[in-house]
Amino acid sequence: MELMQRNFENAITIPMGKQGRSLNQATSAGIILYEAIRQNYAEFCALD
């Protein structure tokens, strides 16, 4: 928790419904990577 408090301005949150329990680390990483590629798709494709 101390790491989050020191770097709060760089924290990422994943919205979840009220019925959601929790996400494991691998699932969270997959969501974040998908969103990063989705938001930067043009630049991502230009790398080919």
N, C-alpha and C. Protein backbone atom coordinates (compact mmCIF):
# COMPACT_ATOMS: atom_id res chain seq x y z
N MET A 1 0.81 -1.19 0.00
CA MET A 1 0.00 0.00 0.00
C MET A 1 0.86 1.26 0.00
N GLU A 2 2.02 1.21 0.60
CA GLU A 2 2.91 2.37 0.64
C GLU A 2 3.32 2.79 -0.76
N LEU A 3 3.56 1.83 -1.64
CA LEU A 3 3.92 2.14 -3.02
C LEU A 3 2.81 2.93 -3.71
N MET A 4 1.56 2.54 -3.50
CA MET A 4 0.42 3.27 -4.07
C MET A 4 0.35 4.69 -3.53
N GLN A 5 0.59 4.86 -2.27
CA GLN A 5 0.52 6.19 -1.66
C GLN A 5 1.61 7.10 -2.19
N ARG A 6 2.80 6.57 -2.42
CA ARG A 6 3.90 7.39 -2.93
C ARG A 6 3.72 7.74 -4.40
N ASN A 7 3.04 6.90 -5.17
CA ASN A 7 2.89 7.11 -6.61
C ASN A 7 1.43 7.22 -7.02
N PHE A 8 0.62 7.86 -6.21
CA PHE A 8 -0.81 7.91 -6.47
C PHE A 8 -1.14 8.57 -7.80
N GLU A 9 -0.39 9.59 -8.22
CA GLU A 9 -0.68 10.28 -9.48
C GLU A 9 -0.46 9.38 -10.70
N ASN A 10 0.25 8.28 -10.56
CA ASN A 10 0.48 7.34 -11.66
C ASN A 10 -0.37 6.08 -11.54
N ALA A 11 -1.26 6.03 -10.57
CA ALA A 11 -2.07 4.84 -10.35
C ALA A 11 -3.12 4.67 -11.44
N ILE A 12 -3.43 3.44 -11.76
CA ILE A 12 -4.45 3.09 -12.74
C ILE A 12 -5.54 2.33 -12.02
N THR A 13 -6.79 2.66 -12.31
CA THR A 13 -7.89 1.92 -11.72
C THR A 13 -8.68 1.22 -12.83
N ILE A 14 -9.22 0.08 -12.50
CA ILE A 14 -10.06 -0.68 -13.43
C ILE A 14 -11.46 -0.68 -12.84
N PRO A 15 -12.41 -0.01 -13.52
CA PRO A 15 -13.77 0.04 -12.97
C PRO A 15 -14.40 -1.35 -12.93
N MET A 16 -15.09 -1.64 -11.84
CA MET A 16 -15.77 -2.92 -11.68
C MET A 16 -17.16 -2.68 -11.13
N GLY A 17 -18.09 -3.54 -11.48
CA GLY A 17 -19.44 -3.45 -10.95
C GLY A 17 -19.48 -3.79 -9.48
N LYS A 18 -20.60 -3.50 -8.85
CA LYS A 18 -20.74 -3.77 -7.41
C LYS A 18 -20.66 -5.26 -7.09
N GLN A 19 -21.04 -6.10 -8.03
CA GLN A 19 -21.02 -7.54 -7.79
C GLN A 19 -19.65 -8.16 -8.05
N GLY A 20 -18.72 -7.40 -8.66
CA GLY A 20 -17.38 -7.92 -8.92
C GLY A 20 -16.61 -8.14 -7.63
N ARG A 21 -15.86 -9.19 -7.58
CA ARG A 21 -15.09 -9.49 -6.37
C ARG A 21 -13.70 -8.90 -6.46
N SER A 22 -12.88 -9.43 -7.35
CA SER A 22 -11.53 -8.92 -7.52
C SER A 22 -10.95 -9.51 -8.81
N LEU A 23 -9.88 -8.92 -9.28
CA LEU A 23 -9.18 -9.42 -10.47
C LEU A 23 -7.79 -9.86 -10.04
N ASN A 24 -7.31 -10.96 -10.63
CA ASN A 24 -5.95 -11.36 -10.30
C ASN A 24 -4.97 -10.53 -11.14
N GLN A 25 -3.71 -10.63 -10.84
CA GLN A 25 -2.69 -9.80 -11.47
C GLN A 25 -2.61 -10.03 -12.98
N ALA A 26 -2.69 -11.27 -13.43
CA ALA A 26 -2.60 -11.56 -14.85
C ALA A 26 -3.77 -10.97 -15.62
N THR A 27 -4.97 -11.08 -15.07
CA THR A 27 -6.14 -10.51 -15.71
C THR A 27 -6.04 -8.99 -15.77
N SER A 28 -5.60 -8.38 -14.69
CA SER A 28 -5.43 -6.93 -14.66
C SER A 28 -4.41 -6.47 -15.69
N ALA A 29 -3.31 -7.18 -15.81
CA ALA A 29 -2.28 -6.82 -16.79
C ALA A 29 -2.82 -6.95 -18.21
N GLY A 30 -3.60 -7.98 -18.48
CA GLY A 30 -4.20 -8.15 -19.81
C GLY A 30 -5.14 -7.01 -20.16
N ILE A 31 -5.95 -6.57 -19.20
CA ILE A 31 -6.87 -5.46 -19.44
C ILE A 31 -6.09 -4.19 -19.73
N ILE A 32 -5.05 -3.93 -18.97
CA ILE A 32 -4.25 -2.71 -19.15
C ILE A 32 -3.53 -2.73 -20.49
N LEU A 33 -2.95 -3.87 -20.87
CA LEU A 33 -2.27 -3.97 -22.17
C LEU A 33 -3.24 -3.81 -23.33
N TYR A 34 -4.41 -4.41 -23.23
CA TYR A 34 -5.42 -4.27 -24.28
C TYR A 34 -5.80 -2.80 -24.45
N GLU A 35 -6.04 -2.12 -23.36
CA GLU A 35 -6.46 -0.72 -23.42
C GLU A 35 -5.34 0.16 -23.96
N ALA A 36 -4.09 -0.12 -23.60
CA ALA A 36 -2.97 0.66 -24.12
C ALA A 36 -2.85 0.49 -25.63
N ILE A 37 -3.01 -0.73 -26.12
CA ILE A 37 -2.94 -0.96 -27.57
C ILE A 37 -4.14 -0.33 -28.26
N ARG A 38 -5.32 -0.44 -27.67
CA ARG A 38 -6.52 0.14 -28.27
C ARG A 38 -6.38 1.65 -28.42
N GLN A 39 -5.85 2.31 -27.41
CA GLN A 39 -5.72 3.75 -27.46
C GLN A 39 -4.60 4.22 -28.38
N ASN A 40 -3.64 3.35 -28.66
CA ASN A 40 -2.49 3.73 -29.48
C ASN A 40 -2.36 2.85 -30.71
N TYR A 41 -3.49 2.40 -31.26
CA TYR A 41 -3.48 1.41 -32.33
C TYR A 41 -2.73 1.91 -33.57
N ALA A 42 -2.92 3.15 -33.97
CA ALA A 42 -2.26 3.68 -35.17
C ALA A 42 -0.75 3.63 -35.01
N GLU A 43 -0.24 4.07 -33.87
CA GLU A 43 1.19 4.04 -33.63
C GLU A 43 1.70 2.60 -33.53
N PHE A 44 0.89 1.73 -32.92
CA PHE A 44 1.25 0.34 -32.77
C PHE A 44 1.42 -0.34 -34.13
N CYS A 45 0.50 -0.08 -35.06
CA CYS A 45 0.57 -0.68 -36.39
C CYS A 45 1.72 -0.11 -37.21
N ALA A 46 2.09 1.13 -36.97
CA ALA A 46 3.17 1.77 -37.71
C ALA A 46 4.52 1.12 -37.40
N LEU A 47 4.61 0.38 -36.31
CA LEU A 47 5.87 -0.27 -35.93
C LEU A 47 6.20 -1.46 -36.83
N ASP A 48 5.21 -1.97 -37.55
CA ASP A 48 5.43 -3.14 -38.42
C ASP A 48 6.29 -2.81 -39.59
